[in-house]
Amino acid sequence: MELYCDNNGAIALAKEPRSHQRSKHILRRFHLIREIIDRGDVEICKVHTDDNIADPLMKPLTHQKHDRHTESLGIRYVSDWS
């Protein structure tokens, strides 16, 4: 299964087999993703933030980016239905 992510830090933490000073506060149980990746059950893929269609659901966007993403999801304004 492919897991798409636009956060380079999250991708690095998921793929890195050892802990660092900055990640020592993360509870051990959350490192399960590393084991899943090592087994090959999940592959983390980088997706550019401009191509991440989940962005309108996660963070505020400019009007232009929001419109482009909602269009790619097939969401339309009610006034456009006529």
Protein backbone atom coordinates (compact mmCIF):
# COMPACT_ATOMS: atom_id res chain seq x y z
CA MET A 1 0.00 0.00 0.00
CA GLU A 2 1.23 3.48 -0.79
CA LEU A 3 1.05 6.23 1.83
CA TYR A 4 1.35 9.73 0.39
CA CYS A 5 2.89 12.48 2.51
CA ASP A 6 4.00 16.05 1.81
CA ASN A 7 6.04 16.44 5.00
CA ASN A 8 9.74 15.69 4.53
CA GLY A 9 10.33 15.50 8.30
CA ALA A 10 7.59 12.91 8.78
CA ILE A 11 8.94 10.85 5.88
CA ALA A 12 12.48 10.95 7.30
CA LEU A 13 11.29 9.93 10.78
CA ALA A 14 9.25 7.05 9.38
CA LYS A 15 12.15 5.70 7.32
CA GLU A 16 14.96 6.33 9.84
CA PRO A 17 15.73 3.19 11.86
CA ARG A 18 17.24 5.01 14.84
CA SER A 19 16.11 7.78 17.15
CA HIS A 20 17.55 11.28 17.32
CA GLN A 21 17.53 13.98 19.98
CA ARG A 22 14.60 15.70 18.29
CA SER A 23 12.49 12.54 18.10
CA LYS A 24 13.17 11.19 21.60
CA HIS A 25 9.92 12.70 22.90
CA ILE A 26 7.85 10.52 20.54
CA LEU A 27 6.46 7.52 22.37
CA ARG A 28 7.81 4.17 21.30
CA ARG A 29 4.39 2.87 20.24
CA PHE A 30 4.25 5.52 17.52
CA HIS A 31 7.37 4.05 15.92
CA LEU A 32 5.25 1.13 14.67
CA ILE A 33 5.21 2.75 11.21
CA ARG A 34 8.93 1.97 10.91
CA GLU A 35 8.28 -1.74 11.42
CA ILE A 36 5.44 -1.68 8.89
CA ILE A 37 7.69 0.02 6.31
CA ASP A 38 10.53 -2.45 6.98
CA ARG A 39 8.14 -5.36 6.37
CA GLY A 40 7.16 -3.79 3.05
CA ASP A 41 3.46 -3.52 3.88
CA VAL A 42 3.50 0.25 3.34
CA GLU A 43 5.61 2.44 1.07
CA ILE A 44 5.83 6.14 1.86
CA CYS A 45 5.68 8.31 -1.25
CA LYS A 46 6.45 12.02 -1.40
CA VAL A 47 3.69 14.15 -2.86
CA HIS A 48 4.26 17.83 -3.53
CA THR A 49 2.01 20.06 -1.46
CA ASP A 50 0.53 21.58 -4.63
CA ASP A 51 -0.63 18.09 -5.70
CA ASN A 52 -1.93 16.98 -2.30
CA ILE A 53 -5.72 16.96 -2.70
CA ALA A 54 -6.21 16.50 1.05
CA ASP A 55 -4.83 19.98 1.76
CA PRO A 56 -8.25 21.75 1.73
CA LEU A 57 -9.28 19.42 4.55
CA MET A 58 -6.14 20.02 6.60
CA LYS A 59 -5.09 23.66 6.40
CA PRO A 60 -6.11 27.07 5.14
CA LEU A 61 -5.26 27.71 1.50
CA THR A 62 -5.31 30.65 -0.84
CA HIS A 63 -8.53 31.01 -2.79
CA GLN A 64 -6.83 29.91 -6.03
CA LYS A 65 -5.31 26.75 -4.49
CA HIS A 66 -8.55 25.90 -2.75
CA ASP A 67 -10.53 26.21 -5.99
CA ARG A 68 -8.02 24.04 -7.88
CA HIS A 69 -8.16 21.30 -5.23
CA THR A 70 -11.94 21.31 -4.89
CA GLU A 71 -12.24 21.13 -8.69
CA SER A 72 -9.94 18.09 -8.77
CA LEU A 73 -12.14 16.46 -6.11
CA GLY A 74 -15.24 17.14 -8.21
CA ILE A 75 -16.76 19.62 -5.74
CA ARG A 76 -18.80 22.38 -7.36
CA TYR A 77 -20.67 25.44 -6.16
CA VAL A 78 -24.45 25.10 -6.20
CA SER A 79 -24.66 28.12 -8.53
CA ASP A 80 -22.59 26.21 -11.12
CA TRP A 81 -25.19 23.42 -11.44
CA SER A 82 -27.59 25.37 -13.67
